[in-house]
């Protein structure tokens, strides 16, 4: 929840329209960033998450699609263009579309 609140706050301050969840693969760390994938805004901010990934990916979501109920979530991201946010304490699941043209996944 702290990371969710932080990323929304930073994105608002920097006027970044996107959130990127990414990993370099090979057991690398996963990070979440507030960015402008079009490059119109120079500043960005990121934080490293718990966990690692063996798949290299760059998943782009619109900030406006992340207006969800606060709490801790398990996040699953699919290369087919959707992410699943499952609340860890409540029976809540959000399906959030990825920005297909900006997202990239290694196979």
PDB file of N, CA and C in Angstrom:
ATOM      1  N   UNK A   1       0.820  -1.185   0.000  1.00  0.00           N
ATOM      2  CA  UNK A   1       0.000   0.000   0.000  1.00  0.00           C
ATOM      3  C   UNK A   1       0.866   1.252   0.000  1.00  0.00           C
ATOM      4  N   UNK A   2       1.958   1.208   0.755  1.00  0.00           N
ATOM      5  CA  UNK A   2       2.857   2.370   0.805  1.00  0.00           C
ATOM      6  C   UNK A   2       3.428   2.683  -0.574  1.00  0.00           C
ATOM      7  N   UNK A   3       3.818   1.646  -1.312  1.00  0.00           N
ATOM      8  CA  UNK A   3       4.383   1.859  -2.652  1.00  0.00           C
ATOM      9  C   UNK A   3       3.310   2.395  -3.592  1.00  0.00           C
ATOM     10  N   UNK A   4       2.098   1.860  -3.503  1.00  0.00           N
ATOM     11  CA  UNK A   4       0.999   2.346  -4.339  1.00  0.00           C
ATOM     12  C   UNK A   4       0.745   3.825  -4.074  1.00  0.00           C
ATOM     13  N   UNK A   5       0.647   4.199  -2.806  1.00  0.00           N
ATOM     14  CA  UNK A   5       0.426   5.606  -2.448  1.00  0.00           C
ATOM     15  C   UNK A   5       1.583   6.486  -2.917  1.00  0.00           C
ATOM     16  N   UNK A   6       2.811   5.991  -2.742  1.00  0.00           N
ATOM     17  CA  UNK A   6       3.986   6.758  -3.129  1.00  0.00           C
ATOM     18  C   UNK A   6       4.006   7.003  -4.632  1.00  0.00           C
ATOM     19  N   UNK A   7       3.772   5.945  -5.424  1.00  0.00           N
ATOM     20  CA  UNK A   7       3.862   6.083  -6.870  1.00  0.00           C
ATOM     21  C   UNK A   7       2.782   7.015  -7.399  1.00  0.00           C
ATOM     22  N   UNK A   8       1.570   6.957  -6.828  1.00  0.00           N
ATOM     23  CA  UNK A   8       0.509   7.871  -7.255  1.00  0.00           C
ATOM     24  C   UNK A   8       0.845   9.309  -6.881  1.00  0.00           C
ATOM     25  N   UNK A   9       1.417   9.493  -5.712  1.00  0.00           N
ATOM     26  CA  UNK A   9       1.801  10.834  -5.262  1.00  0.00           C
ATOM     27  C   UNK A   9       2.907  11.412  -6.143  1.00  0.00           C
ATOM     28  N   UNK A  10       3.937  10.634  -6.390  1.00  0.00           N
ATOM     29  CA  UNK A  10       5.057  11.092  -7.224  1.00  0.00           C
ATOM     30  C   UNK A  10       4.585  11.367  -8.648  1.00  0.00           C
ATOM     31  N   UNK A  11       3.750  10.501  -9.187  1.00  0.00           N
ATOM     32  CA  UNK A  11       3.231  10.705 -10.538  1.00  0.00           C
ATOM     33  C   UNK A  11       2.435  12.003 -10.627  1.00  0.00           C
ATOM     34  N   UNK A  12       1.693  12.299  -9.596  1.00  0.00           N
ATOM     35  CA  UNK A  12       0.921  13.542  -9.565  1.00  0.00           C
ATOM     36  C   UNK A  12       1.850  14.757  -9.515  1.00  0.00           C
ATOM     37  N   UNK A  13       2.854  14.700  -8.662  1.00  0.00           N
ATOM     38  CA  UNK A  13       3.803  15.816  -8.527  1.00  0.00           C
ATOM     39  C   UNK A  13       4.565  16.047  -9.826  1.00  0.00           C
ATOM     40  N   UNK A  14       5.045  14.964 -10.440  1.00  0.00           N
ATOM     41  CA  UNK A  14       5.827  15.070 -11.678  1.00  0.00           C
ATOM     42  C   UNK A  14       4.959  15.168 -12.933  1.00  0.00           C
ATOM     43  N   UNK A  15       3.647  15.014 -12.741  1.00  0.00           N
ATOM     44  CA  UNK A  15       2.694  15.026 -13.855  1.00  0.00           C
ATOM     45  C   UNK A  15       2.984  13.916 -14.871  1.00  0.00           C
ATOM     46  N   UNK A  16       3.351  12.749 -14.333  1.00  0.00           N
ATOM     47  CA  UNK A  16       3.626  11.579 -15.168  1.00  0.00           C
ATOM     48  C   UNK A  16       2.325  10.810 -15.409  1.00  0.00           C
ATOM     49  N   UNK A  17       1.995  10.508 -16.647  1.00  0.00           N
ATOM     50  CA  UNK A  17       0.746   9.816 -16.942  1.00  0.00           C
ATOM     51  C   UNK A  17       0.822   8.291 -16.865  1.00  0.00           C
ATOM     52  N   UNK A  18       2.033   7.750 -16.670  1.00  0.00           N
ATOM     53  CA  UNK A  18       2.189   6.296 -16.713  1.00  0.00           C
ATOM     54  C   UNK A  18       2.912   5.738 -15.500  1.00  0.00           C
ATOM     55  N   UNK A  19       2.613   4.475 -15.231  1.00  0.00           N
ATOM     56  CA  UNK A  19       3.369   3.677 -14.274  1.00  0.00           C
ATOM     57  C   UNK A  19       3.974   2.537 -15.074  1.00  0.00           C
ATOM     58  N   UNK A  20       5.248   2.272 -14.843  1.00  0.00           N
ATOM     59  CA  UNK A  20       5.932   1.167 -15.515  1.00  0.00           C
ATOM     60  C   UNK A  20       6.395   0.182 -14.451  1.00  0.00           C
ATOM     61  N   UNK A  21       6.085  -1.073 -14.670  1.00  0.00           N
ATOM     62  CA  UNK A  21       6.606  -2.157 -13.833  1.00  0.00           C
ATOM     63  C   UNK A  21       7.568  -2.909 -14.742  1.00  0.00           C
ATOM     64  N   UNK A  22       8.825  -3.063 -14.281  1.00  0.00           N
ATOM     65  CA  UNK A  22       9.821  -3.634 -15.190  1.00  0.00           C
ATOM     66  C   UNK A  22      10.831  -4.513 -14.458  1.00  0.00           C
ATOM     67  N   UNK A  23      11.474  -5.366 -15.241  1.00  0.00           N
ATOM     68  CA  UNK A  23      12.563  -6.205 -14.758  1.00  0.00           C
ATOM     69  C   UNK A  23      13.509  -6.478 -15.914  1.00  0.00           C
ATOM     70  N   UNK A  24      14.799  -6.602 -15.589  1.00  0.00           N
ATOM     71  CA  UNK A  24      15.803  -6.939 -16.599  1.00  0.00           C
ATOM     72  C   UNK A  24      15.937  -8.444 -16.788  1.00  0.00           C
ATOM     73  N   UNK A  25      15.163  -9.232 -16.041  1.00  0.00           N
ATOM     74  CA  UNK A  25      15.180 -10.684 -16.173  1.00  0.00           C
ATOM     75  C   UNK A  25      16.370 -11.313 -15.469  1.00  0.00           C
ATOM     76  N   UNK A  26      16.626 -12.593 -15.732  1.00  0.00           N
ATOM     77  CA  UNK A  26      17.726 -13.354 -15.137  1.00  0.00           C
ATOM     78  C   UNK A  26      17.738 -13.260 -13.614  1.00  0.00           C
ATOM     79  N   UNK A  27      16.554 -13.357 -12.999  1.00  0.00           N
ATOM     80  CA  UNK A  27      16.466 -13.282 -11.541  1.00  0.00           C
ATOM     81  C   UNK A  27      16.625 -11.877 -11.005  1.00  0.00           C
ATOM     82  N   UNK A  28      16.492 -10.902 -11.885  1.00  0.00           N
ATOM     83  CA  UNK A  28      16.684  -9.514 -11.499  1.00  0.00           C
ATOM     84  C   UNK A  28      15.528  -8.939 -10.710  1.00  0.00           C
ATOM     85  N   UNK A  29      15.799  -7.837 -10.061  1.00  0.00           N
ATOM     86  CA  UNK A  29      14.805  -7.139  -9.256  1.00  0.00           C
ATOM     87  C   UNK A  29      13.685  -6.587 -10.143  1.00  0.00           C
ATOM     88  N   UNK A  30      12.542  -6.395  -9.533  1.00  0.00           N
ATOM     89  CA  UNK A  30      11.395  -5.783 -10.184  1.00  0.00           C
ATOM     90  C   UNK A  30      11.260  -4.379  -9.618  1.00  0.00           C
ATOM     91  N   UNK A  31      11.038  -3.404 -10.495  1.00  0.00           N
ATOM     92  CA  UNK A  31      10.862  -2.037 -10.019  1.00  0.00           C
ATOM     93  C   UNK A  31       9.606  -1.430 -10.628  1.00  0.00           C
ATOM     94  N   UNK A  32       9.095  -0.431  -9.945  1.00  0.00           N
ATOM     95  CA  UNK A  32       7.929   0.306 -10.418  1.00  0.00           C
ATOM     96  C   UNK A  32       8.341   1.767 -10.522  1.00  0.00           C
ATOM     97  N   UNK A  33       7.951   2.405 -11.631  1.00  0.00           N
ATOM     98  CA  UNK A  33       8.380   3.773 -11.920  1.00  0.00           C
ATOM     99  C   UNK A  33       7.184   4.628 -12.333  1.00  0.00           C
ATOM    100  N   UNK A  34       7.237   5.882 -11.956  1.00  0.00           N
ATOM    101  CA  UNK A  34       6.303   6.876 -12.478  1.00  0.00           C
ATOM    102  C   UNK A  34       7.039   7.575 -13.609  1.00  0.00           C
ATOM    103  N   UNK A  35       6.524   7.444 -14.832  1.00  0.00           N
ATOM    104  CA  UNK A  35       7.223   7.991 -15.996  1.00  0.00           C
ATOM    105  C   UNK A  35       6.230   8.520 -17.018  1.00  0.00           C
ATOM    106  N   UNK A  36       6.778   9.180 -18.007  1.00  0.00           N
ATOM    107  CA  UNK A  36       6.033   9.551 -19.204  1.00  0.00           C
ATOM    108  C   UNK A  36       6.683   8.778 -20.341  1.00  0.00           C
ATOM    109  N   UNK A  37       6.039   7.701 -20.797  1.00  0.00           N
ATOM    110  CA  UNK A  37       6.654   6.849 -21.815  1.00  0.00           C
ATOM    111  C   UNK A  37       6.795   7.550 -23.161  1.00  0.00           C
ATOM    112  N   UNK A  38       6.086   8.654 -23.367  1.00  0.00           N
ATOM    113  CA  UNK A  38       6.237   9.419 -24.608  1.00  0.00           C
ATOM    114  C   UNK A  38       7.460  10.323 -24.564  1.00  0.00           C
ATOM    115  N   UNK A  39       8.066  10.476 -23.381  1.00  0.00           N
ATOM    116  CA  UNK A  39       9.274  11.273 -23.255  1.00  0.00           C
ATOM    117  C   UNK A  39       9.042  12.765 -23.163  1.00  0.00           C
ATOM    118  N   UNK A  40       7.790  13.175 -22.964  1.00  0.00           N
ATOM    119  CA  UNK A  40       7.496  14.600 -22.887  1.00  0.00           C
ATOM    120  C   UNK A  40       7.872  15.189 -21.525  1.00  0.00           C
ATOM    121  N   UNK A  41       7.956  14.333 -20.508  1.00  0.00           N
ATOM    122  CA  UNK A  41       8.351  14.764 -19.172  1.00  0.00           C
ATOM    123  C   UNK A  41       9.689  14.114 -18.865  1.00  0.00           C
ATOM    124  N   UNK A  42      10.661  14.903 -18.470  1.00  0.00           N
ATOM    125  CA  UNK A  42      12.017  14.405 -18.274  1.00  0.00           C
ATOM    126  C   UNK A  42      12.173  13.659 -16.956  1.00  0.00           C
ATOM    127  N   UNK A  43      11.577  14.155 -15.889  1.00  0.00           N
ATOM    128  CA  UNK A  43      11.739  13.548 -14.570  1.00  0.00           C
ATOM    129  C   UNK A  43      10.974  12.238 -14.472  1.00  0.00           C
ATOM    130  N   UNK A  44      11.503  11.332 -13.677  1.00  0.00           N
ATOM    131  CA  UNK A  44      10.778  10.125 -13.309  1.00  0.00           C
ATOM    132  C   UNK A  44      11.265   9.676 -11.944  1.00  0.00           C
ATOM    133  N   UNK A  45      10.584   8.712 -11.358  1.00  0.00           N
ATOM    134  CA  UNK A  45      10.943   8.216 -10.033  1.00  0.00           C
ATOM    135  C   UNK A  45      10.645   6.729  -9.986  1.00  0.00           C
ATOM    136  N   UNK A  46      11.466   5.966  -9.250  1.00  0.00           N
ATOM    137  CA  UNK A  46      11.240   4.527  -9.187  1.00  0.00           C
ATOM    138  C   UNK A  46      11.561   3.985  -7.808  1.00  0.00           C
ATOM    139  N   UNK A  47      11.026   2.797  -7.546  1.00  0.00           N
ATOM    140  CA  UNK A  47      11.285   2.080  -6.304  1.00  0.00           C
ATOM    141  C   UNK A  47      11.390   0.589  -6.645  1.00  0.00           C
ATOM    142  N   UNK A  48      12.270  -0.112  -5.948  1.00  0.00           N
ATOM    143  CA  UNK A  48      12.443  -1.550  -6.156  1.00  0.00           C
ATOM    144  C   UNK A  48      11.452  -2.307  -5.284  1.00  0.00           C
ATOM    145  N   UNK A  49      10.822  -3.318  -5.861  1.00  0.00           N
ATOM    146  CA  UNK A  49       9.839  -4.133  -5.157  1.00  0.00           C
ATOM    147  C   UNK A  49      10.478  -5.404  -4.617  1.00  0.00           C
ATOM    148  N   UNK A  50       9.749  -6.084  -3.723  1.00  0.00           N
ATOM    149  CA  UNK A  50      10.179  -7.400  -3.266  1.00  0.00           C
ATOM    150  C   UNK A  50       9.971  -8.374  -4.420  1.00  0.00           C
ATOM    151  N   UNK A  51      10.825  -9.334  -4.520  1.00  0.00           N
ATOM    152  CA  UNK A  51      10.675 -10.345  -5.560  1.00  0.00           C
ATOM    153  C   UNK A  51      11.612 -10.122  -6.732  1.00  0.00           C
ATOM    154  N   UNK A  52      11.696 -11.139  -7.571  1.00  0.00           N
ATOM    155  CA  UNK A  52      12.555 -11.102  -8.750  1.00  0.00           C
ATOM    156  C   UNK A  52      11.791 -11.701  -9.931  1.00  0.00           C
ATOM    157  N   UNK A  53      12.369 -11.560 -11.124  1.00  0.00           N
ATOM    158  CA  UNK A  53      11.760 -12.131 -12.318  1.00  0.00           C
ATOM    159  C   UNK A  53      12.838 -12.707 -13.218  1.00  0.00           C
ATOM    160  N   UNK A  54      12.549 -13.843 -13.821  1.00  0.00           N
ATOM    161  CA  UNK A  54      13.450 -14.441 -14.794  1.00  0.00           C
ATOM    162  C   UNK A  54      13.116 -13.980 -16.207  1.00  0.00           C
ATOM    163  N   UNK A  55      12.057 -13.186 -16.337  1.00  0.00           N
ATOM    164  CA  UNK A  55      11.623 -12.687 -17.633  1.00  0.00           C
ATOM    165  C   UNK A  55      11.870 -11.184 -17.706  1.00  0.00           C
ATOM    166  N   UNK A  56      12.457 -10.745 -18.794  1.00  0.00           N
ATOM    167  CA  UNK A  56      12.666  -9.323 -19.009  1.00  0.00           C
ATOM    168  C   UNK A  56      11.359  -8.732 -19.532  1.00  0.00           C
ATOM    169  N   UNK A  57      10.859  -7.690 -18.850  1.00  0.00           N
ATOM    170  CA  UNK A  57       9.619  -7.070 -19.287  1.00  0.00           C
ATOM    171  C   UNK A  57       9.577  -5.588 -18.929  1.00  0.00           C
ATOM    172  N   UNK A  58       8.685  -4.883 -19.608  1.00  0.00           N
ATOM    173  CA  UNK A  58       8.471  -3.444 -19.439  1.00  0.00           C
ATOM    174  C   UNK A  58       6.968  -3.247 -19.627  1.00  0.00           C
ATOM    175  N   UNK A  59       6.216  -3.277 -18.524  1.00  0.00           N
ATOM    176  CA  UNK A  59       4.757  -3.202 -18.572  1.00  0.00           C
ATOM    177  C   UNK A  59       4.300  -1.785 -18.235  1.00  0.00           C
ATOM    178  N   UNK A  60       3.561  -1.171 -19.150  1.00  0.00           N
ATOM    179  CA  UNK A  60       3.124   0.214 -18.998  1.00  0.00           C
ATOM    180  C   UNK A  60       1.626   0.254 -18.696  1.00  0.00           C
ATOM    181  N   UNK A  61       1.280   0.986 -17.637  1.00  0.00           N
ATOM    182  CA  UNK A  61      -0.117   1.187 -17.272  1.00  0.00           C
ATOM    183  C   UNK A  61      -0.391   2.685 -17.175  1.00  0.00           C
ATOM    184  N   UNK A  62      -1.619   3.074 -17.428  1.00  0.00           N
ATOM    185  CA  UNK A  62      -2.001   4.467 -17.247  1.00  0.00           C
ATOM    186  C   UNK A  62      -2.296   4.709 -15.771  1.00  0.00           C
ATOM    187  N   UNK A  63      -1.808   5.830 -15.252  1.00  0.00           N
ATOM    188  CA  UNK A  63      -2.063   6.200 -13.854  1.00  0.00           C
ATOM    189  C   UNK A  63      -3.552   6.221 -13.563  1.00  0.00           C
ATOM    190  N   UNK A  64      -4.338   6.750 -14.487  1.00  0.00           N
ATOM    191  CA  UNK A  64      -5.777   6.881 -14.268  1.00  0.00           C
ATOM    192  C   UNK A  64      -6.463   5.534 -14.074  1.00  0.00           C
ATOM    193  N   UNK A  65      -5.839   4.444 -14.526  1.00  0.00           N
ATOM    194  CA  UNK A  65      -6.411   3.107 -14.347  1.00  0.00           C
ATOM    195  C   UNK A  65      -6.023   2.471 -13.020  1.00  0.00           C
ATOM    196  N   UNK A  66      -5.221   3.151 -12.220  1.00  0.00           N
ATOM    197  CA  UNK A  66      -4.773   2.592 -10.939  1.00  0.00           C
ATOM    198  C   UNK A  66      -5.458   3.242  -9.744  1.00  0.00           C
ATOM    199  N   UNK A  67      -6.632   3.766  -9.952  1.00  0.00           N
ATOM    200  CA  UNK A  67      -7.422   4.329  -8.854  1.00  0.00           C
ATOM    201  C   UNK A  67      -8.181   3.169  -8.224  1.00  0.00           C
ATOM    202  N   UNK A  68      -7.510   2.493  -7.297  1.00  0.00           N
ATOM    203  CA  UNK A  68      -8.060   1.299  -6.680  1.00  0.00           C
ATOM    204  C   UNK A  68      -8.109   1.479  -5.167  1.00  0.00           C
ATOM    205  N   UNK A  69      -8.878   0.636  -4.504  1.00  0.00           N
ATOM    206  CA  UNK A  69      -8.988   0.681  -3.044  1.00  0.00           C
ATOM    207  C   UNK A  69      -7.623   0.398  -2.437  1.00  0.00           C
ATOM    208  N   UNK A  70      -7.261   1.150  -1.417  1.00  0.00           N
ATOM    209  CA  UNK A  70      -5.961   0.985  -0.770  1.00  0.00           C
ATOM    210  C   UNK A  70      -5.776  -0.391  -0.151  1.00  0.00           C
ATOM    211  N   UNK A  71      -4.543  -0.769   0.037  1.00  0.00           N
ATOM    212  CA  UNK A  71      -4.217  -2.050   0.635  1.00  0.00           C
ATOM    213  C   UNK A  71      -3.051  -2.697  -0.071  1.00  0.00           C
ATOM    214  N   UNK A  72      -2.667  -3.853   0.420  1.00  0.00           N
ATOM    215  CA  UNK A  72      -1.580  -4.625  -0.178  1.00  0.00           C
ATOM    216  C   UNK A  72      -2.165  -5.544  -1.248  1.00  0.00           C
ATOM    217  N   UNK A  73      -1.481  -5.623  -2.391  1.00  0.00           N
ATOM    218  CA  UNK A  73      -1.947  -6.421  -3.515  1.00  0.00           C
ATOM    219  C   UNK A  73      -0.855  -7.357  -4.016  1.00  0.00           C
ATOM    220  N   UNK A  74      -1.291  -8.500  -4.519  1.00  0.00           N
ATOM    221  CA  UNK A  74      -0.440  -9.362  -5.313  1.00  0.00           C
ATOM    222  C   UNK A  74      -0.721  -8.973  -6.759  1.00  0.00           C
ATOM    223  N   UNK A  75       0.347  -8.703  -7.527  1.00  0.00           N
ATOM    224  CA  UNK A  75       0.174  -8.238  -8.900  1.00  0.00           C
ATOM    225  C   UNK A  75       0.738  -9.275  -9.859  1.00  0.00           C
ATOM    226  N   UNK A  76      -0.082  -9.650 -10.828  1.00  0.00           N
ATOM    227  CA  UNK A  76       0.333 -10.558 -11.887  1.00  0.00           C
ATOM    228  C   UNK A  76       0.221  -9.803 -13.204  1.00  0.00           C
ATOM    229  N   UNK A  77       1.228  -9.944 -14.054  1.00  0.00           N
ATOM    230  CA  UNK A  77       1.255  -9.229 -15.329  1.00  0.00           C
ATOM    231  C   UNK A  77       1.385 -10.241 -16.451  1.00  0.00           C
ATOM    232  N   UNK A  78       0.541 -10.094 -17.456  1.00  0.00           N
ATOM    233  CA  UNK A  78       0.548 -11.010 -18.591  1.00  0.00           C
ATOM    234  C   UNK A  78       1.004 -10.300 -19.861  1.00  0.00           C
ATOM    235  N   UNK A  79       1.765 -10.993 -20.661  1.00  0.00           N
ATOM    236  CA  UNK A  79       2.233 -10.449 -21.934  1.00  0.00           C
ATOM    237  C   UNK A  79       1.099 -10.250 -22.928  1.00  0.00           C
ATOM    238  N   UNK A  80      -0.078 -10.790 -22.648  1.00  0.00           N
ATOM    239  CA  UNK A  80      -1.217 -10.609 -23.552  1.00  0.00           C
ATOM    240  C   UNK A  80      -1.909  -9.263 -23.342  1.00  0.00           C
ATOM    241  N   UNK A  81      -1.421  -8.459 -22.387  1.00  0.00           N
ATOM    242  CA  UNK A  81      -1.909  -7.095 -22.274  1.00  0.00           C
ATOM    243  C   UNK A  81      -2.792  -6.777 -21.093  1.00  0.00           C
ATOM    244  N   UNK A  82      -2.718  -7.572 -20.047  1.00  0.00           N
ATOM    245  CA  UNK A  82      -3.554  -7.312 -18.881  1.00  0.00           C
ATOM    246  C   UNK A  82      -2.773  -7.610 -17.597  1.00  0.00           C
ATOM    247  N   UNK A  83      -3.119  -6.886 -16.546  1.00  0.00           N
ATOM    248  CA  UNK A  83      -2.529  -7.164 -15.239  1.00  0.00           C
ATOM    249  C   UNK A  83      -3.660  -7.447 -14.256  1.00  0.00           C
ATOM    250  N   UNK A  84      -3.349  -8.228 -13.237  1.00  0.00           N
ATOM    251  CA  UNK A  84      -4.343  -8.626 -12.242  1.00  0.00           C
ATOM    252  C   UNK A  84      -3.848  -8.186 -10.871  1.00  0.00           C
ATOM    253  N   UNK A  85      -4.633  -7.358 -10.198  1.00  0.00           N
ATOM    254  CA  UNK A  85      -4.322  -6.879  -8.859  1.00  0.00           C
ATOM    255  C   UNK A  85      -5.281  -7.572  -7.893  1.00  0.00           C
ATOM    256  N   UNK A  86      -4.757  -8.445  -7.030  1.00  0.00           N
ATOM    257  CA  UNK A  86      -5.572  -9.181  -6.064  1.00  0.00           C
ATOM    258  C   UNK A  86      -5.259  -8.665  -4.668  1.00  0.00           C
ATOM    259  N   UNK A  87      -6.274  -8.120  -4.003  1.00  0.00           N
ATOM    260  CA  UNK A  87      -6.102  -7.585  -2.646  1.00  0.00           C
ATOM    261  C   UNK A  87      -5.743  -8.733  -1.717  1.00  0.00           C
ATOM    262  N   UNK A  88      -4.776  -8.513  -0.827  1.00  0.00           N
ATOM    263  CA  UNK A  88      -4.299  -9.582   0.047  1.00  0.00           C
ATOM    264  C   UNK A  88      -5.219  -9.851   1.233  1.00  0.00           C
ATOM    265  N   UNK A  89      -6.096  -8.913   1.586  1.00  0.00           N
ATOM    266  CA  UNK A  89      -6.954  -9.095   2.755  1.00  0.00           C
ATOM    267  C   UNK A  89      -8.441  -9.109   2.433  1.00  0.00           C
ATOM    268  N   UNK A  90      -8.834  -8.486   1.347  1.00  0.00           N
ATOM    269  CA  UNK A  90     -10.242  -8.393   0.980  1.00  0.00           C
ATOM    270  C   UNK A  90     -10.487  -9.168  -0.299  1.00  0.00           C
ATOM    271  N   UNK A  91     -11.729  -9.514  -0.534  1.00  0.00           N
ATOM    272  CA  UNK A  91     -12.102 -10.254  -1.740  1.00  0.00           C
ATOM    273  C   UNK A  91     -12.285  -9.266  -2.897  1.00  0.00           C
ATOM    274  N   UNK A  92     -11.165  -8.654  -3.330  1.00  0.00           N
ATOM    275  CA  UNK A  92     -11.192  -7.655  -4.389  1.00  0.00           C
ATOM    276  C   UNK A  92     -10.142  -8.013  -5.440  1.00  0.00           C
ATOM    277  N   UNK A  93     -10.561  -8.003  -6.684  1.00  0.00           N
ATOM    278  CA  UNK A  93      -9.641  -8.236  -7.808  1.00  0.00           C
ATOM    279  C   UNK A  93      -9.900  -7.155  -8.852  1.00  0.00           C
ATOM    280  N   UNK A  94      -8.829  -6.542  -9.317  1.00  0.00           N
ATOM    281  CA  UNK A  94      -8.904  -5.574 -10.409  1.00  0.00           C
ATOM    282  C   UNK A  94      -8.131  -6.130 -11.594  1.00  0.00           C
ATOM    283  N   UNK A  95      -8.705  -5.993 -12.776  1.00  0.00           N
ATOM    284  CA  UNK A  95      -8.024  -6.318 -14.026  1.00  0.00           C
ATOM    285  C   UNK A  95      -7.719  -4.983 -14.688  1.00  0.00           C
ATOM    286  N   UNK A  96      -6.445  -4.711 -14.933  1.00  0.00           N
ATOM    287  CA  UNK A  96      -6.033  -3.427 -15.495  1.00  0.00           C
ATOM    288  C   UNK A  96      -5.301  -3.683 -16.812  1.00  0.00           C
ATOM    289  N   UNK A  97      -5.787  -3.021 -17.860  1.00  0.00           N
ATOM    290  CA  UNK A  97      -5.175  -3.182 -19.182  1.00  0.00           C
ATOM    291  C   UNK A  97      -3.808  -2.515 -19.230  1.00  0.00           C
ATOM    292  N   UNK A  98      -2.895  -3.146 -19.957  1.00  0.00           N
ATOM    293  CA  UNK A  98      -1.585  -2.559 -20.222  1.00  0.00           C
ATOM    294  C   UNK A  98      -1.665  -1.719 -21.485  1.00  0.00           C
ATOM    295  N   UNK A  99      -0.771  -0.781 -21.604  1.00  0.00           N
ATOM    296  CA  UNK A  99      -0.637  -0.008 -22.835  1.00  0.00           C
ATOM    297  C   UNK A  99       0.143  -0.880 -23.819  1.00  0.00           C
ATOM    298  N   UNK A 100      -0.579  -1.485 -24.746  1.00  0.00           N
ATOM    299  CA  UNK A 100      -0.014  -2.488 -25.642  1.00  0.00           C
ATOM    300  C   UNK A 100       1.172  -1.985 -26.470  1.00  0.00           C
ATOM    301  N   UNK A 101       1.075  -0.784 -26.996  1.00  0.00           N
ATOM    302  CA  UNK A 101       2.119  -0.308 -27.900  1.00  0.00           C
ATOM    303  C   UNK A 101       3.409   0.035 -27.164  1.00  0.00           C
ATOM    304  N   UNK A 102       3.331   0.352 -25.872  1.00  0.00           N
ATOM    305  CA  UNK A 102       4.509   0.743 -25.112  1.00  0.00           C
ATOM    306  C   UNK A 102       5.102  -0.405 -24.298  1.00  0.00           C
ATOM    307  N   UNK A 103       4.305  -1.427 -23.999  1.00  0.00           N
ATOM    308  CA  UNK A 103       4.768  -2.556 -23.178  1.00  0.00           C
ATOM    309  C   UNK A 103       5.572  -3.529 -24.017  1.00  0.00           C
ATOM    310  N   UNK A 104       6.589  -4.145 -23.383  1.00  0.00           N
ATOM    311  CA  UNK A 104       7.444  -5.099 -24.095  1.00  0.00           C
ATOM    312  C   UNK A 104       7.753  -6.284 -23.181  1.00  0.00           C
ATOM    313  N   UNK A 105       7.738  -7.482 -23.756  1.00  0.00           N
ATOM    314  CA  UNK A 105       8.017  -8.705 -23.005  1.00  0.00           C
ATOM    315  C   UNK A 105       8.938  -9.599 -23.814  1.00  0.00           C
ATOM    316  N   UNK A 106      10.002 -10.112 -23.170  1.00  0.00           N
ATOM    317  CA  UNK A 106      10.843 -11.122 -23.796  1.00  0.00           C
ATOM    318  C   UNK A 106      10.147 -12.464 -23.634  1.00  0.00           C
ATOM    319  N   UNK A 107      10.369 -13.338 -24.594  1.00  0.00           N
ATOM    320  CA  UNK A 107       9.732 -14.654 -24.533  1.00  0.00           C
ATOM    321  C   UNK A 107      10.690 -15.694 -24.068  1.00  0.00           C
TER     322      UNK A 107
END
